[in-house]
N, C-alpha and C. Protein backbone atom coordinates (compact mmCIF):
# COMPACT_ATOMS: atom_id res chain seq x y z
N UNK A 1 0.87 -1.17 0.00
CA UNK A 1 0.00 0.00 0.00
C UNK A 1 0.91 1.23 0.00
N UNK A 2 0.64 2.15 -0.91
CA UNK A 2 1.46 3.36 -0.97
C UNK A 2 1.08 4.34 0.14
N UNK A 3 1.92 5.34 0.38
CA UNK A 3 1.75 6.26 1.51
C UNK A 3 0.41 7.02 1.47
N UNK A 4 0.00 7.61 0.33
CA UNK A 4 -1.28 8.33 0.33
C UNK A 4 -2.47 7.42 0.62
N UNK A 5 -2.45 6.19 0.10
CA UNK A 5 -3.55 5.26 0.34
C UNK A 5 -3.57 4.86 1.81
N UNK A 6 -2.39 4.58 2.37
CA UNK A 6 -2.29 4.22 3.78
C UNK A 6 -2.80 5.35 4.67
N UNK A 7 -2.41 6.58 4.36
CA UNK A 7 -2.83 7.74 5.15
C UNK A 7 -4.34 7.92 5.08
N UNK A 8 -4.90 7.84 3.88
CA UNK A 8 -6.34 8.00 3.72
C UNK A 8 -7.10 6.91 4.46
N UNK A 9 -6.63 5.68 4.39
CA UNK A 9 -7.26 4.56 5.09
C UNK A 9 -7.18 4.76 6.61
N UNK A 10 -6.05 5.21 7.09
CA UNK A 10 -5.88 5.44 8.53
C UNK A 10 -6.81 6.53 9.04
N UNK A 11 -6.90 7.62 8.29
CA UNK A 11 -7.77 8.73 8.69
C UNK A 11 -9.23 8.28 8.68
N UNK A 12 -9.63 7.56 7.65
CA UNK A 12 -11.00 7.08 7.56
C UNK A 12 -11.32 6.13 8.71
N UNK A 13 -10.40 5.25 9.05
CA UNK A 13 -10.61 4.32 10.16
C UNK A 13 -10.76 5.07 11.48
N UNK A 14 -9.91 6.08 11.69
CA UNK A 14 -9.98 6.87 12.91
C UNK A 14 -11.32 7.58 13.01
N UNK A 15 -11.74 8.23 11.93
CA UNK A 15 -13.00 8.97 11.95
C UNK A 15 -14.19 8.05 12.15
N UNK A 16 -14.16 6.89 11.55
CA UNK A 16 -15.25 5.92 11.72
C UNK A 16 -15.33 5.46 13.17
N UNK A 17 -14.20 5.17 13.77
CA UNK A 17 -14.19 4.74 15.17
C UNK A 17 -14.67 5.85 16.08
N UNK A 18 -14.25 7.08 15.82
CA UNK A 18 -14.67 8.20 16.65
C UNK A 18 -16.17 8.41 16.57
N UNK A 19 -16.74 8.33 15.39
CA UNK A 19 -18.18 8.52 15.23
C UNK A 19 -18.97 7.39 15.86
N UNK A 20 -18.47 6.18 15.76
CA UNK A 20 -19.18 5.02 16.29
C UNK A 20 -19.33 5.12 17.80
N UNK A 21 -18.37 5.72 18.48
CA UNK A 21 -18.44 5.78 19.93
C UNK A 21 -19.20 7.01 20.43
N UNK A 22 -19.53 7.95 19.56
CA UNK A 22 -20.27 9.14 20.00
C UNK A 22 -21.70 8.79 20.38
N UNK A 23 -22.34 7.98 19.55
CA UNK A 23 -23.73 7.63 19.80
C UNK A 23 -23.95 6.14 19.58
N UNK A 24 -24.94 5.59 20.27
CA UNK A 24 -25.25 4.17 20.05
C UNK A 24 -25.93 3.98 18.70
N UNK A 25 -25.98 2.73 18.27
CA UNK A 25 -26.70 2.41 17.04
C UNK A 25 -27.32 1.03 17.18
N UNK A 26 -28.12 0.63 16.20
CA UNK A 26 -28.87 -0.63 16.29
C UNK A 26 -27.96 -1.85 16.42
N UNK A 27 -26.71 -1.74 16.00
CA UNK A 27 -25.80 -2.87 16.09
C UNK A 27 -25.39 -3.18 17.53
N UNK A 28 -25.62 -2.25 18.45
CA UNK A 28 -25.29 -2.48 19.86
C UNK A 28 -26.40 -3.22 20.60
N UNK A 29 -27.63 -3.12 20.13
CA UNK A 29 -28.76 -3.75 20.80
C UNK A 29 -28.53 -5.27 20.87
N UNK A 30 -28.67 -5.80 22.09
CA UNK A 30 -28.45 -7.23 22.32
C UNK A 30 -27.06 -7.56 22.82
N UNK A 31 -26.14 -6.60 22.73
CA UNK A 31 -24.78 -6.85 23.21
C UNK A 31 -24.70 -6.78 24.74
N UNK A 32 -23.67 -7.36 25.29
CA UNK A 32 -23.46 -7.34 26.73
C UNK A 32 -22.96 -5.97 27.17
N UNK A 33 -23.05 -5.71 28.47
CA UNK A 33 -22.54 -4.45 29.02
C UNK A 33 -21.06 -4.29 28.71
N UNK A 34 -20.32 -5.38 28.77
CA UNK A 34 -18.88 -5.32 28.51
C UNK A 34 -18.60 -4.90 27.07
N UNK A 35 -19.36 -5.45 26.12
CA UNK A 35 -19.17 -5.09 24.71
C UNK A 35 -19.55 -3.63 24.47
N UNK A 36 -20.65 -3.19 25.07
CA UNK A 36 -21.08 -1.79 24.92
C UNK A 36 -20.04 -0.87 25.55
N UNK A 37 -19.53 -1.23 26.70
CA UNK A 37 -18.51 -0.44 27.37
C UNK A 37 -17.27 -0.29 26.48
N UNK A 38 -16.88 -1.35 25.81
CA UNK A 38 -15.74 -1.31 24.90
C UNK A 38 -15.96 -0.39 23.71
N UNK A 39 -17.19 -0.23 23.30
CA UNK A 39 -17.49 0.63 22.12
C UNK A 39 -17.87 2.06 22.48
N UNK A 40 -18.52 2.23 23.63
CA UNK A 40 -19.02 3.56 24.00
C UNK A 40 -18.17 4.24 25.08
N UNK A 41 -17.36 3.47 25.80
CA UNK A 41 -16.61 4.03 26.91
C UNK A 41 -17.45 4.05 28.18
N UNK A 42 -16.87 4.61 29.24
CA UNK A 42 -17.55 4.68 30.53
C UNK A 42 -18.74 5.65 30.47
N UNK A 43 -19.89 5.25 31.00
CA UNK A 43 -21.01 6.20 31.08
C UNK A 43 -20.75 7.21 32.21
N UNK A 44 -21.37 8.36 32.12
CA UNK A 44 -21.23 9.35 33.19
C UNK A 44 -22.01 8.94 34.42
N UNK A 45 -23.15 8.30 34.20
CA UNK A 45 -23.98 7.84 35.31
C UNK A 45 -24.51 6.45 35.00
N UNK A 46 -24.78 5.70 36.07
CA UNK A 46 -25.49 4.43 35.98
C UNK A 46 -26.67 4.54 36.93
N UNK A 47 -27.88 4.41 36.37
CA UNK A 47 -29.09 4.61 37.16
C UNK A 47 -29.86 3.28 37.22
N UNK A 48 -30.10 2.77 38.43
CA UNK A 48 -30.89 1.53 38.54
C UNK A 48 -32.33 1.76 38.06
N UNK A 49 -32.88 0.77 37.34
CA UNK A 49 -34.27 0.84 36.90
C UNK A 49 -35.15 0.16 37.94
N UNK A 50 -36.36 0.66 38.13
CA UNK A 50 -37.28 0.12 39.14
C UNK A 50 -37.57 -1.37 38.91
N UNK A 51 -37.68 -1.77 37.65
CA UNK A 51 -38.02 -3.17 37.32
C UNK A 51 -36.78 -4.06 37.22
N UNK A 52 -35.63 -3.53 37.58
CA UNK A 52 -34.37 -4.28 37.46
C UNK A 52 -33.63 -3.82 36.22
N UNK A 53 -32.36 -4.08 36.19
CA UNK A 53 -31.55 -3.60 35.09
C UNK A 53 -31.02 -2.20 35.39
N UNK A 54 -30.45 -1.57 34.38
CA UNK A 54 -29.78 -0.29 34.58
C UNK A 54 -29.92 0.59 33.35
N UNK A 55 -29.94 1.92 33.58
CA UNK A 55 -29.75 2.90 32.52
C UNK A 55 -28.32 3.39 32.60
N UNK A 56 -27.62 3.43 31.48
CA UNK A 56 -26.33 4.09 31.40
C UNK A 56 -26.56 5.42 30.69
N UNK A 57 -25.95 6.48 31.22
CA UNK A 57 -26.18 7.83 30.71
C UNK A 57 -24.90 8.37 30.09
N UNK A 58 -25.02 8.81 28.82
CA UNK A 58 -23.90 9.35 28.07
C UNK A 58 -24.21 10.76 27.56
N UNK A 59 -23.92 11.80 28.38
CA UNK A 59 -24.03 13.17 27.86
C UNK A 59 -22.84 13.40 26.92
N UNK A 60 -23.07 14.01 25.78
CA UNK A 60 -22.00 14.16 24.80
C UNK A 60 -21.55 15.60 24.64
N UNK A 61 -20.37 15.87 25.14
CA UNK A 61 -19.70 17.15 24.96
C UNK A 61 -20.16 18.23 25.92
N UNK A 62 -19.28 19.14 26.28
CA UNK A 62 -19.66 20.24 27.18
C UNK A 62 -20.70 21.16 26.54
N UNK A 63 -20.68 21.28 25.24
CA UNK A 63 -21.68 22.06 24.53
C UNK A 63 -22.63 21.12 23.79
N UNK A 64 -22.65 19.87 24.21
CA UNK A 64 -23.37 18.82 23.49
C UNK A 64 -24.86 19.03 23.41
N UNK A 65 -25.41 18.56 22.33
CA UNK A 65 -26.84 18.65 22.08
C UNK A 65 -27.52 17.29 22.24
N UNK A 66 -26.77 16.31 22.73
CA UNK A 66 -27.29 14.95 22.84
C UNK A 66 -26.92 14.34 24.19
N UNK A 67 -27.87 13.62 24.77
CA UNK A 67 -27.61 12.76 25.92
C UNK A 67 -28.31 11.45 25.62
N UNK A 68 -27.54 10.37 25.65
CA UNK A 68 -28.08 9.05 25.32
C UNK A 68 -28.29 8.24 26.60
N UNK A 69 -29.46 7.64 26.71
CA UNK A 69 -29.75 6.68 27.77
C UNK A 69 -29.73 5.30 27.13
N UNK A 70 -28.93 4.40 27.67
CA UNK A 70 -28.89 3.02 27.21
C UNK A 70 -29.54 2.15 28.27
N UNK A 71 -30.51 1.35 27.89
CA UNK A 71 -31.28 0.53 28.82
C UNK A 71 -30.82 -0.92 28.77
N UNK A 72 -30.33 -1.41 29.92
CA UNK A 72 -29.89 -2.79 30.04
C UNK A 72 -30.87 -3.58 30.88
N UNK A 73 -31.05 -4.85 30.53
CA UNK A 73 -31.93 -5.73 31.30
C UNK A 73 -31.14 -6.39 32.43
N UNK A 74 -31.82 -7.24 33.19
CA UNK A 74 -31.17 -7.91 34.31
C UNK A 74 -30.13 -8.94 33.85
N UNK A 75 -30.19 -9.35 32.58
CA UNK A 75 -29.19 -10.27 32.04
C UNK A 75 -27.98 -9.52 31.48
N UNK A 76 -27.93 -8.19 31.71
CA UNK A 76 -26.80 -7.34 31.31
C UNK A 76 -26.70 -7.15 29.79
N UNK A 77 -27.83 -7.24 29.10
CA UNK A 77 -27.88 -7.03 27.65
C UNK A 77 -28.55 -5.70 27.34
N UNK A 78 -28.06 -5.02 26.29
CA UNK A 78 -28.66 -3.75 25.89
C UNK A 78 -30.00 -4.00 25.21
N UNK A 79 -31.05 -3.43 25.79
CA UNK A 79 -32.40 -3.58 25.24
C UNK A 79 -32.72 -2.50 24.22
N UNK A 80 -32.36 -1.25 24.56
CA UNK A 80 -32.74 -0.11 23.72
C UNK A 80 -31.89 1.09 24.11
N UNK A 81 -31.97 2.13 23.29
CA UNK A 81 -31.30 3.39 23.61
C UNK A 81 -32.19 4.53 23.15
N UNK A 82 -31.97 5.70 23.76
CA UNK A 82 -32.79 6.87 23.42
C UNK A 82 -31.96 8.13 23.60
N UNK A 83 -32.11 9.06 22.68
CA UNK A 83 -31.54 10.40 22.82
C UNK A 83 -32.61 11.21 23.55
N UNK A 84 -32.32 11.63 24.80
CA UNK A 84 -33.37 12.16 25.68
C UNK A 84 -33.53 13.68 25.68
N UNK A 85 -32.60 14.40 25.05
CA UNK A 85 -32.72 15.87 25.04
C UNK A 85 -33.65 16.28 23.90
N UNK A 86 -34.94 16.39 24.24
CA UNK A 86 -35.96 16.75 23.24
C UNK A 86 -37.05 17.58 23.92
N UNK A 87 -37.75 18.37 23.12
CA UNK A 87 -38.84 19.19 23.67
C UNK A 87 -39.89 18.30 24.35
N UNK A 88 -40.16 17.14 23.77
CA UNK A 88 -41.15 16.22 24.35
C UNK A 88 -40.77 15.83 25.78
N UNK A 89 -39.50 15.49 25.97
CA UNK A 89 -39.05 15.11 27.32
C UNK A 89 -38.97 16.32 28.25
N UNK A 90 -38.58 17.48 27.72
CA UNK A 90 -38.51 18.67 28.55
C UNK A 90 -39.89 19.02 29.12
N UNK A 91 -40.93 18.83 28.32
CA UNK A 91 -42.28 19.17 28.77
C UNK A 91 -42.78 18.26 29.89
N UNK A 92 -42.06 17.17 30.15
CA UNK A 92 -42.40 16.27 31.26
C UNK A 92 -41.81 16.73 32.58
N UNK A 93 -40.92 17.71 32.54
CA UNK A 93 -40.28 18.22 33.75
C UNK A 93 -41.19 19.31 34.33
N UNK A 94 -41.54 19.18 35.61
CA UNK A 94 -42.49 20.14 36.20
C UNK A 94 -42.07 20.52 37.61
N UNK A 95 -42.56 21.68 38.08
CA UNK A 95 -42.27 22.11 39.45
C UNK A 95 -42.64 21.02 40.46
N UNK A 96 -41.78 20.90 41.47
CA UNK A 96 -42.01 19.89 42.50
C UNK A 96 -41.15 18.64 42.33
N UNK A 97 -40.66 18.40 41.10
CA UNK A 97 -39.78 17.25 40.88
C UNK A 97 -38.42 17.51 41.55
N UNK A 98 -37.76 16.45 41.95
CA UNK A 98 -36.42 16.59 42.53
C UNK A 98 -35.36 16.51 41.43
N UNK A 99 -34.17 16.97 41.74
CA UNK A 99 -33.09 16.90 40.76
C UNK A 99 -32.82 15.46 40.30
N UNK A 100 -32.77 14.47 41.21
CA UNK A 100 -32.59 13.09 40.72
C UNK A 100 -33.71 12.63 39.78
N UNK A 101 -34.96 13.06 40.03
CA UNK A 101 -36.06 12.70 39.13
C UNK A 101 -35.85 13.31 37.75
N UNK A 102 -35.41 14.57 37.72
CA UNK A 102 -35.15 15.23 36.44
C UNK A 102 -34.03 14.52 35.71
N UNK A 103 -32.95 14.21 36.41
CA UNK A 103 -31.81 13.56 35.77
C UNK A 103 -32.13 12.15 35.31
N UNK A 104 -33.11 11.49 35.92
CA UNK A 104 -33.53 10.17 35.42
C UNK A 104 -34.31 10.29 34.12
N UNK A 105 -34.78 11.49 33.79
CA UNK A 105 -35.50 11.73 32.52
C UNK A 105 -34.62 12.30 31.42
N UNK A 106 -33.76 13.30 31.78
CA UNK A 106 -33.00 13.99 30.73
C UNK A 106 -31.50 14.05 31.00
N UNK A 107 -31.05 13.38 32.05
CA UNK A 107 -29.62 13.34 32.34
C UNK A 107 -29.13 14.58 33.06
N UNK A 108 -27.85 14.60 33.38
CA UNK A 108 -27.27 15.74 34.08
C UNK A 108 -26.99 16.90 33.13
N UNK A 109 -26.99 18.10 33.67
CA UNK A 109 -26.66 19.29 32.88
C UNK A 109 -25.18 19.59 33.00
N UNK A 110 -24.59 20.06 31.92
CA UNK A 110 -23.19 20.49 31.94
C UNK A 110 -23.06 21.97 32.28
N UNK A 111 -24.16 22.71 32.21
CA UNK A 111 -24.13 24.15 32.46
C UNK A 111 -24.99 24.44 33.68
N UNK A 112 -24.33 24.84 34.77
CA UNK A 112 -25.03 25.12 36.02
C UNK A 112 -24.62 26.49 36.53
N UNK A 113 -25.61 27.28 36.91
CA UNK A 113 -25.34 28.62 37.44
C UNK A 113 -26.03 28.77 38.78
N UNK A 114 -25.30 29.29 39.77
CA UNK A 114 -25.86 29.53 41.09
C UNK A 114 -26.69 30.81 41.08
N UNK A 115 -27.78 30.78 41.82
CA UNK A 115 -28.62 31.96 41.98
C UNK A 115 -28.12 32.78 43.17
N UNK A 116 -28.41 34.07 43.15
CA UNK A 116 -27.99 34.96 44.23
C UNK A 116 -28.61 34.55 45.56
N UNK A 117 -27.95 34.92 46.63
CA UNK A 117 -28.41 34.67 48.00
C UNK A 117 -28.71 33.20 48.26
N UNK A 118 -27.95 32.32 47.61
CA UNK A 118 -28.07 30.87 47.81
C UNK A 118 -29.51 30.37 47.64
N UNK A 119 -30.19 30.92 46.62
CA UNK A 119 -31.58 30.54 46.35
C UNK A 119 -31.69 29.27 45.52
N UNK A 120 -30.59 28.72 45.06
CA UNK A 120 -30.63 27.52 44.25
C UNK A 120 -29.74 27.63 43.04
N UNK A 121 -30.10 26.90 41.98
CA UNK A 121 -29.31 26.85 40.75
C UNK A 121 -30.23 26.81 39.54
N UNK A 122 -29.65 27.19 38.39
CA UNK A 122 -30.30 27.01 37.11
C UNK A 122 -29.43 26.07 36.29
N UNK A 123 -30.03 24.98 35.81
CA UNK A 123 -29.33 24.03 34.96
C UNK A 123 -29.85 24.20 33.53
N UNK A 124 -28.93 24.33 32.59
CA UNK A 124 -29.29 24.58 31.19
C UNK A 124 -28.88 23.41 30.31
N UNK A 125 -29.74 23.08 29.35
CA UNK A 125 -29.53 21.96 28.44
C UNK A 125 -29.61 22.44 26.99
N UNK A 126 -28.52 22.29 26.26
CA UNK A 126 -28.58 22.52 24.81
C UNK A 126 -29.21 21.28 24.18
N UNK A 127 -29.83 21.47 23.04
CA UNK A 127 -30.44 20.34 22.34
C UNK A 127 -30.61 20.71 20.88
N UNK A 128 -30.85 19.71 20.04
CA UNK A 128 -31.05 19.98 18.61
C UNK A 128 -32.40 20.67 18.42
N UNK A 129 -32.35 21.82 17.77
CA UNK A 129 -33.55 22.61 17.57
C UNK A 129 -33.32 23.55 16.40
N UNK A 130 -34.37 23.89 15.65
CA UNK A 130 -34.20 24.88 14.58
C UNK A 130 -34.07 26.29 15.15
N UNK A 131 -34.31 26.44 16.45
CA UNK A 131 -34.22 27.74 17.11
C UNK A 131 -32.94 27.79 17.94
N UNK A 132 -32.48 28.97 18.22
CA UNK A 132 -31.30 29.13 19.06
C UNK A 132 -31.79 29.29 20.50
N UNK A 133 -32.12 28.16 21.13
CA UNK A 133 -32.57 28.20 22.51
C UNK A 133 -32.05 27.00 23.28
N UNK A 134 -32.23 27.04 24.56
CA UNK A 134 -31.90 25.89 25.40
C UNK A 134 -32.96 25.76 26.46
N UNK A 135 -33.04 24.58 27.05
CA UNK A 135 -34.02 24.31 28.10
C UNK A 135 -33.35 24.58 29.44
N UNK A 136 -34.10 25.24 30.35
CA UNK A 136 -33.53 25.56 31.65
C UNK A 136 -34.45 25.08 32.77
N UNK A 137 -33.81 24.57 33.83
CA UNK A 137 -34.51 24.11 35.01
C UNK A 137 -33.99 24.92 36.19
N UNK A 138 -34.89 25.59 36.88
CA UNK A 138 -34.51 26.34 38.08
C UNK A 138 -34.83 25.48 39.30
N UNK A 139 -33.80 25.24 40.13
CA UNK A 139 -33.94 24.45 41.34
C UNK A 139 -33.89 25.35 42.57
N UNK A 140 -34.63 24.98 43.59
CA UNK A 140 -34.51 25.63 44.89
C UNK A 140 -33.20 25.17 45.53
N UNK A 141 -32.86 25.76 46.66
CA UNK A 141 -31.67 25.33 47.41
C UNK A 141 -31.80 23.88 47.85
N UNK A 142 -33.02 23.38 47.95
CA UNK A 142 -33.27 21.98 48.35
C UNK A 142 -33.28 21.02 47.17
N UNK A 143 -32.90 21.51 45.97
CA UNK A 143 -32.82 20.69 44.75
C UNK A 143 -34.19 20.20 44.28
N UNK A 144 -35.18 21.07 44.40
CA UNK A 144 -36.53 20.80 43.92
C UNK A 144 -36.82 21.80 42.79
N UNK A 145 -37.44 21.34 41.71
CA UNK A 145 -37.72 22.22 40.58
C UNK A 145 -38.68 23.32 40.99
N UNK A 146 -38.25 24.58 40.79
CA UNK A 146 -39.09 25.75 41.04
C UNK A 146 -39.81 26.14 39.75
N UNK A 147 -39.06 26.13 38.62
CA UNK A 147 -39.65 26.49 37.34
C UNK A 147 -38.81 25.92 36.20
N UNK A 148 -39.40 25.89 35.01
CA UNK A 148 -38.69 25.45 33.81
C UNK A 148 -39.05 26.40 32.67
N UNK A 149 -38.25 26.38 31.64
CA UNK A 149 -38.56 27.21 30.48
C UNK A 149 -37.45 27.14 29.45
N UNK A 150 -37.68 27.83 28.35
CA UNK A 150 -36.70 27.90 27.28
C UNK A 150 -36.09 29.29 27.29
N UNK A 151 -34.77 29.34 27.17
CA UNK A 151 -34.06 30.61 27.18
C UNK A 151 -33.10 30.70 26.01
N UNK A 152 -32.40 31.81 25.93
CA UNK A 152 -31.44 32.05 24.86
C UNK A 152 -30.03 31.84 25.41
N UNK A 153 -29.27 30.90 24.85
CA UNK A 153 -27.91 30.67 25.33
C UNK A 153 -26.98 31.82 24.96
N UNK A 154 -25.85 31.94 25.65
CA UNK A 154 -24.93 33.06 25.42
C UNK A 154 -24.50 33.22 23.96
N UNK A 155 -24.27 32.12 23.25
CA UNK A 155 -23.78 32.23 21.88
C UNK A 155 -24.81 32.81 20.92
N UNK A 156 -26.06 32.93 21.37
CA UNK A 156 -27.12 33.47 20.51
C UNK A 156 -27.52 34.89 20.89
N UNK A 157 -26.93 35.41 21.94
CA UNK A 157 -27.22 36.78 22.36
C UNK A 157 -26.35 37.74 21.59
N UNK A 158 -26.85 38.93 21.36
CA UNK A 158 -26.05 39.95 20.68
C UNK A 158 -25.03 40.56 21.63
N UNK A 159 -24.19 41.42 21.08
CA UNK A 159 -23.23 42.16 21.89
C UNK A 159 -22.13 41.29 22.45
N UNK A 160 -21.74 41.56 23.69
CA UNK A 160 -20.57 40.90 24.28
C UNK A 160 -20.75 39.40 24.47
N UNK A 161 -21.99 38.89 24.52
CA UNK A 161 -22.22 37.48 24.79
C UNK A 161 -22.29 36.60 23.55
N UNK A 162 -22.39 37.17 22.42
CA UNK A 162 -22.58 36.32 21.25
C UNK A 162 -22.21 37.02 19.96
N UNK A 163 -23.08 36.91 19.00
CA UNK A 163 -22.83 37.47 17.69
C UNK A 163 -22.83 38.99 17.74
N UNK A 164 -22.09 39.59 16.89
CA UNK A 164 -22.03 41.04 16.82
C UNK A 164 -23.37 41.59 16.37
N UNK A 165 -23.75 42.73 16.96
CA UNK A 165 -25.02 43.36 16.57
C UNK A 165 -24.84 44.36 15.44
N UNK A 166 -23.62 44.50 14.94
CA UNK A 166 -23.36 45.47 13.87
C UNK A 166 -23.37 44.81 12.52
């Protein structure tokens, strides 16, 4: 194999491997936890399911628009996977829920801001959308949802926070 062909093949192999581990696909369904771990890497969280088995949680990137939940049965096989950052799932989050309940639905947030006077935190979630917005959950100091809504992330604001207004 000549050098240009070898280089092109190496780059293609690297890119294919990198993409395969970003998100799950149908070829993973039915595989063991060990096989999935080898292809996806360590999950950020492992959440026990009420009926047995486990959810593995894979938030992707600090600015990521995807969080994948992988559902394993009691036999340690992957049953299904879901990308959970969606408007449909966000609308299921309501005042009174606890932070663990929220994270069992949409995973952990990578963007957290403290509120003044120790009143709690706001957790923000980027997601795929035709609009430049993100979903936000406001928690009390006791980690209970006070409110939810859609806001404008810094990269979409004019002036010093985002795009130039000129």
